[in-house]
Amino acid sequence: MLLEKIYSDHGWDFRNYKRASLKRRIQKRFAALDLHNCTDYCEALDSDPAEYSRLFAALTIKVSEFFREPEVFEMLTRTVTERFPRDAGIKAWCCGCAFGEEAYSLAMVFSETLSAEGLKLSKVFATDIDPDALDVARRAVYREDSIRNVVPDIREKYFFKVNGMHKVKYKIRNLVKFGTQDIVKSPSISKVQVLFCRNLFIYFNKTLQEKVFEKLDYSLVPGGILVLGKAEVLPQRFAAGYAALGEHHSVYEKKA
């Protein structure tokens, strides 16, 4: 009932997300309002529309940091260096980009591996369902704990200090284009060469995983690189079309 109401009122489609995860997050809102059932909570949503924003934030909890799981980015850096010409542009897509750390990390990898000409031709498209998170991403200002995996020379090259915070320099910010997108309902981005979609599938049931992955598969060109989260696996229907590049890192190449 609650998921149908959310979809009817706002178009947010959580109906095929994993129920156990949704239940835990919804119950936190119940507890915050001292409510005990969906009927009472639906009434609370009707009486206080701002509660929808709080619920949405609870359902789309984001955990991210720069160069999260550094070994994945080390592998990606090697792969880009070996497989992509330095002077040719790369079109990348960071799907479910949260507060932007991953998209900017990807842009830094490109800045380290491509020539100036290659960078001019490159772009990282970064999308998320949450427009408030994207506002944070566009500001590009982060706490120390967000950049704990950033080595000193990369910090020096790509960040500057603002009131005790760390701001991404414009030469990296200009490589990234942010946009609101619900991957469940919206079209995908075409002709992508590097595609990050990490820790999104863990919230979907198997049916929705296949539906979404069909869009990702359409987006990625043959020979393109796909990066999933460590706990995620390719849907069985698509597994034969991809070759793993790392034993434990969920980095794949789409077969030609």
Protein backbone atom coordinates (compact mmCIF):
# COMPACT_ATOMS: atom_id res chain seq x y z
CA MET A 1 0.00 0.00 0.00
CA LEU A 2 2.72 2.48 0.99
CA LEU A 3 4.89 1.81 -2.08
CA GLU A 4 1.88 2.23 -4.36
CA LYS A 5 1.05 5.52 -2.66
CA ILE A 6 4.63 6.77 -3.08
CA TYR A 7 4.50 5.88 -6.77
CA SER A 8 1.05 7.40 -7.27
CA ASP A 9 1.83 10.64 -5.46
CA HIS A 10 5.39 11.29 -6.65
CA GLY A 11 6.30 8.78 -9.36
CA TRP A 12 9.12 7.26 -7.28
CA ASP A 13 9.01 3.58 -8.14
CA PHE A 14 10.38 1.44 -5.30
CA ARG A 15 7.92 -1.39 -5.93
CA ASN A 16 10.57 -3.81 -7.20
CA TYR A 17 13.26 -2.92 -4.69
CA LYS A 18 14.22 -5.59 -2.18
CA ARG A 19 11.55 -5.62 0.51
CA ALA A 20 13.82 -6.37 3.48
CA SER A 21 15.96 -3.30 2.80
CA LEU A 22 12.93 -1.07 2.22
CA LYS A 23 11.25 -2.33 5.38
CA ARG A 24 14.25 -1.45 7.54
CA ARG A 25 14.42 2.06 6.16
CA ILE A 26 10.70 2.73 6.32
CA GLN A 27 10.58 1.52 9.91
CA LYS A 28 13.14 4.17 10.82
CA ARG A 29 10.64 6.79 9.70
CA PHE A 30 7.90 5.04 11.66
CA ALA A 31 10.10 5.21 14.77
CA ALA A 32 10.99 8.85 14.19
CA LEU A 33 7.28 9.75 14.19
CA ASP A 34 6.30 7.20 16.85
CA LEU A 35 4.00 5.40 14.39
CA HIS A 36 3.40 1.67 14.11
CA ASN A 37 1.70 0.86 10.81
CA CYS A 38 1.40 1.91 7.17
CA THR A 39 -2.08 3.37 7.55
CA ASP A 40 -0.90 5.87 10.16
CA TYR A 41 2.18 6.67 8.14
CA CYS A 42 0.16 7.32 4.99
CA GLU A 43 -1.94 9.77 6.99
CA ALA A 44 1.26 11.43 8.18
CA LEU A 45 2.40 11.83 4.57
CA ASP A 46 -0.92 13.43 3.66
CA SER A 47 -0.80 15.85 6.59
CA ASP A 48 2.87 16.75 6.23
CA PRO A 49 4.10 16.69 2.60
CA ALA A 50 7.65 17.47 3.79
CA GLU A 51 7.73 13.94 5.21
CA TYR A 52 8.01 12.68 1.63
CA SER A 53 11.44 14.32 1.39
CA ARG A 54 12.55 12.69 4.63
CA LEU A 55 11.23 9.31 3.46
CA PHE A 56 12.95 9.69 0.09
CA ALA A 57 16.26 10.43 1.83
CA ALA A 58 15.79 7.35 4.01
CA LEU A 59 15.05 5.11 1.02
CA THR A 60 18.03 6.35 -0.99
CA ILE A 61 20.76 6.29 1.67
CA LYS A 62 24.09 7.04 0.03
CA VAL A 63 27.51 5.81 1.09
CA SER A 64 30.39 7.08 -1.01
CA GLU A 65 33.89 8.51 -0.90
CA PHE A 66 36.66 9.38 -3.32
CA PHE A 67 38.44 6.35 -4.77
CA ARG A 68 36.30 3.97 -2.76
CA GLU A 69 37.96 0.56 -2.86
CA PRO A 70 41.25 1.94 -4.27
CA GLU A 71 42.16 -1.37 -5.92
CA VAL A 72 39.19 -0.92 -8.28
CA PHE A 73 40.50 2.47 -9.39
CA GLU A 74 44.04 1.11 -9.72
CA MET A 75 42.69 -1.56 -12.05
CA LEU A 76 40.65 1.00 -13.96
CA THR A 77 43.69 3.25 -14.37
CA ARG A 78 45.70 0.35 -15.82
CA THR A 79 42.82 -0.60 -18.11
CA VAL A 80 42.33 2.92 -19.45
CA THR A 81 46.09 3.29 -20.00
CA GLU A 82 46.34 -0.01 -21.87
CA ARG A 83 43.13 0.01 -23.89
CA PHE A 84 42.22 3.62 -24.71
CA PRO A 85 44.28 5.97 -26.92
CA ARG A 86 45.62 8.94 -24.95
CA ASP A 87 44.48 11.47 -27.52
CA ALA A 88 40.97 10.08 -28.02
CA GLY A 89 38.11 11.12 -25.78
CA ILE A 90 36.30 8.78 -23.40
CA LYS A 91 32.58 8.96 -22.75
CA ALA A 92 31.78 7.70 -19.25
CA TRP A 93 28.64 7.32 -17.21
CA CYS A 94 28.41 7.13 -13.44
CA CYS A 95 24.91 5.79 -12.74
CA GLY A 96 23.72 6.41 -9.18
CA CYS A 97 26.45 8.96 -8.51
CA ALA A 98 25.19 10.04 -5.05
CA PHE A 99 27.17 13.10 -3.88
CA GLY A 100 29.61 13.03 -6.79
CA GLU A 101 32.73 11.52 -5.25
CA GLU A 102 32.84 8.58 -7.64
CA ALA A 103 32.24 10.70 -10.74
CA TYR A 104 35.01 13.11 -9.78
CA SER A 105 37.33 10.18 -9.00
CA LEU A 106 36.68 8.86 -12.49
CA ALA A 107 37.45 12.29 -13.97
CA MET A 108 40.74 12.33 -12.04
CA VAL A 109 41.67 8.94 -13.50
CA PHE A 110 41.10 10.36 -16.98
CA SER A 111 43.12 13.46 -16.15
CA GLU A 112 46.01 11.25 -15.06
CA THR A 113 45.93 8.95 -18.09
CA LEU A 114 44.79 11.01 -21.11
CA SER A 115 46.53 13.80 -22.98
CA ALA A 116 45.22 17.36 -22.93
CA GLU A 117 43.60 16.70 -26.31
CA GLY A 118 42.00 13.50 -25.01
CA LEU A 119 40.60 15.34 -21.99
CA LYS A 120 38.99 17.98 -24.21
CA LEU A 121 37.08 15.19 -25.93
CA SER A 122 36.08 13.38 -22.71
CA LYS A 123 33.04 13.69 -20.45
CA VAL A 124 31.74 11.92 -17.36
CA PHE A 125 27.93 11.92 -17.22
CA ALA A 126 26.83 11.49 -13.62
CA THR A 127 23.19 10.76 -12.77
CA ASP A 128 21.16 10.11 -9.65
CA ILE A 129 17.51 9.95 -8.67
CA ASP A 130 18.02 12.45 -5.84
CA PRO A 131 18.24 16.12 -6.94
CA ASP A 132 19.38 17.22 -3.47
CA ALA A 133 22.37 14.88 -3.66
CA LEU A 134 23.20 16.30 -7.08
CA ASP A 135 23.19 19.83 -5.66
CA VAL A 136 25.85 18.69 -3.18
CA ALA A 137 27.79 17.09 -6.02
CA ARG A 138 27.77 20.25 -8.11
CA ARG A 139 29.10 22.30 -5.17
CA ALA A 140 31.99 19.79 -4.98
CA VAL A 141 32.93 20.57 -1.37
CA TYR A 142 33.80 17.61 0.86
CA ARG A 143 34.88 16.73 4.39
CA GLU A 144 38.21 15.14 5.20
CA ASP A 145 36.68 11.68 5.67
CA SER A 146 35.44 11.73 2.06
CA ILE A 147 38.98 12.07 0.69
CA ARG A 148 40.78 9.67 3.04
CA ASN A 149 41.70 7.39 0.09
CA VAL A 150 43.14 10.24 -1.99
CA VAL A 151 46.94 10.10 -2.08
CA PRO A 152 48.82 13.36 -1.30
CA ASP A 153 49.89 14.25 -4.85
CA ILE A 154 46.33 13.82 -6.16
CA ARG A 155 45.01 15.96 -3.30
CA GLU A 156 47.49 18.65 -4.18
CA LYS A 157 46.68 18.52 -7.87
CA TYR A 158 42.89 18.36 -7.80
CA PHE A 159 41.61 19.92 -4.53
CA PHE A 160 41.94 23.20 -2.70
CA LYS A 161 40.95 24.15 0.85
CA VAL A 162 37.83 26.20 1.61
CA ASN A 163 36.98 26.87 5.27
CA GLY A 164 38.52 23.60 6.39
CA MET A 165 36.78 21.63 3.63
CA HIS A 166 38.15 20.23 0.37
CA LYS A 167 36.83 21.57 -2.93
CA VAL A 168 37.39 19.91 -6.30
CA LYS A 169 39.25 22.14 -8.75
CA TYR A 170 37.43 23.40 -11.81
CA LYS A 171 39.53 21.46 -14.32
CA ILE A 172 38.01 18.27 -12.86
CA ARG A 173 34.54 19.68 -12.27
CA ASN A 174 34.36 20.75 -15.92
CA LEU A 175 34.77 17.12 -17.00
CA VAL A 176 31.61 16.04 -15.16
CA LYS A 177 28.01 16.76 -16.16
CA PHE A 178 25.37 15.98 -13.51
CA GLY A 179 21.72 15.22 -14.20
CA THR A 180 18.67 13.82 -12.44
CA GLN A 181 17.67 10.36 -13.63
CA ASP A 182 15.60 7.47 -12.31
CA ILE A 183 17.30 4.54 -14.00
CA VAL A 184 14.20 2.39 -13.43
CA LYS A 185 12.03 4.64 -15.60
CA SER A 186 14.32 6.85 -17.66
CA PRO A 187 16.22 6.11 -20.88
CA SER A 188 19.90 5.30 -20.56
CA ILE A 189 22.87 7.18 -22.00
CA SER A 190 24.15 5.79 -25.29
CA LYS A 191 27.62 4.92 -26.62
CA VAL A 192 29.35 4.83 -23.24
CA GLN A 193 32.91 3.48 -23.01
CA VAL A 194 33.26 3.35 -19.21
CA LEU A 195 30.20 2.70 -17.05
CA PHE A 196 30.14 2.76 -13.24
CA CYS A 197 27.03 1.36 -11.57
CA ARG A 198 28.18 0.33 -8.11
CA ASN A 199 26.04 -0.85 -5.22
CA LEU A 200 22.74 -0.05 -6.92
CA PHE A 201 21.66 -3.56 -7.84
CA ILE A 202 21.87 -4.69 -4.22
CA TYR A 203 18.60 -2.80 -3.63
CA PHE A 204 16.73 -4.35 -6.60
CA ASN A 205 14.99 -7.70 -6.82
CA LYS A 206 16.12 -10.01 -9.65
CA THR A 207 13.40 -8.88 -12.06
CA LEU A 208 14.36 -5.24 -11.68
CA GLN A 209 18.07 -6.07 -11.88
CA GLU A 210 17.51 -7.60 -15.32
CA LYS A 211 15.36 -4.70 -16.48
CA VAL A 212 17.94 -2.12 -15.43
CA PHE A 213 20.92 -4.10 -16.68
CA GLU A 214 19.31 -4.30 -20.11
CA LYS A 215 19.59 -0.50 -20.22
CA LEU A 216 23.21 -0.57 -19.08
CA ASP A 217 24.08 -3.22 -21.64
CA TYR A 218 22.49 -1.10 -24.37
CA SER A 219 24.54 1.90 -23.23
CA LEU A 220 27.95 0.26 -23.19
CA VAL A 221 29.79 -0.11 -26.48
CA PRO A 222 31.60 -3.38 -27.33
CA GLY A 223 35.01 -3.26 -25.65
CA GLY A 224 33.63 -0.89 -23.02
CA ILE A 225 34.38 -1.25 -19.31
CA LEU A 226 31.70 -1.94 -16.70
CA VAL A 227 32.28 -1.54 -12.97
CA LEU A 228 29.79 -2.99 -10.47
CA GLY A 229 29.94 -3.16 -6.68
CA LYS A 230 31.93 -5.94 -5.03
CA ALA A 231 28.78 -7.66 -3.76
CA GLU A 232 27.08 -7.55 -7.16
CA VAL A 233 27.11 -10.04 -10.01
CA LEU A 234 26.01 -9.83 -13.62
CA PRO A 235 22.44 -11.02 -14.25
CA GLN A 236 22.70 -14.53 -15.64
CA ARG A 237 21.09 -13.62 -18.97
CA PHE A 238 23.93 -11.18 -19.72
CA ALA A 239 26.91 -12.95 -18.15
CA ALA A 240 28.14 -14.56 -21.37
CA GLY A 241 28.55 -11.14 -22.97
CA TYR A 242 31.13 -9.92 -20.47
CA ALA A 243 34.66 -10.93 -19.48
CA ALA A 244 35.87 -10.29 -15.94
CA LEU A 245 39.04 -8.19 -15.75
CA GLY A 246 39.61 -8.74 -12.07
CA GLU A 247 38.99 -11.73 -9.91
CA HIS A 248 37.42 -9.86 -7.00
CA HIS A 249 36.62 -6.37 -8.18
CA SER A 250 33.55 -6.70 -10.41
CA VAL A 251 35.26 -4.98 -13.34
CA TYR A 252 34.21 -6.32 -16.74
CA GLU A 253 34.83 -5.78 -20.41
CA LYS A 254 31.89 -6.05 -22.78
CA LYS A 255 32.73 -8.57 -25.46
CA ALA A 256 32.69 -7.48 -29.08
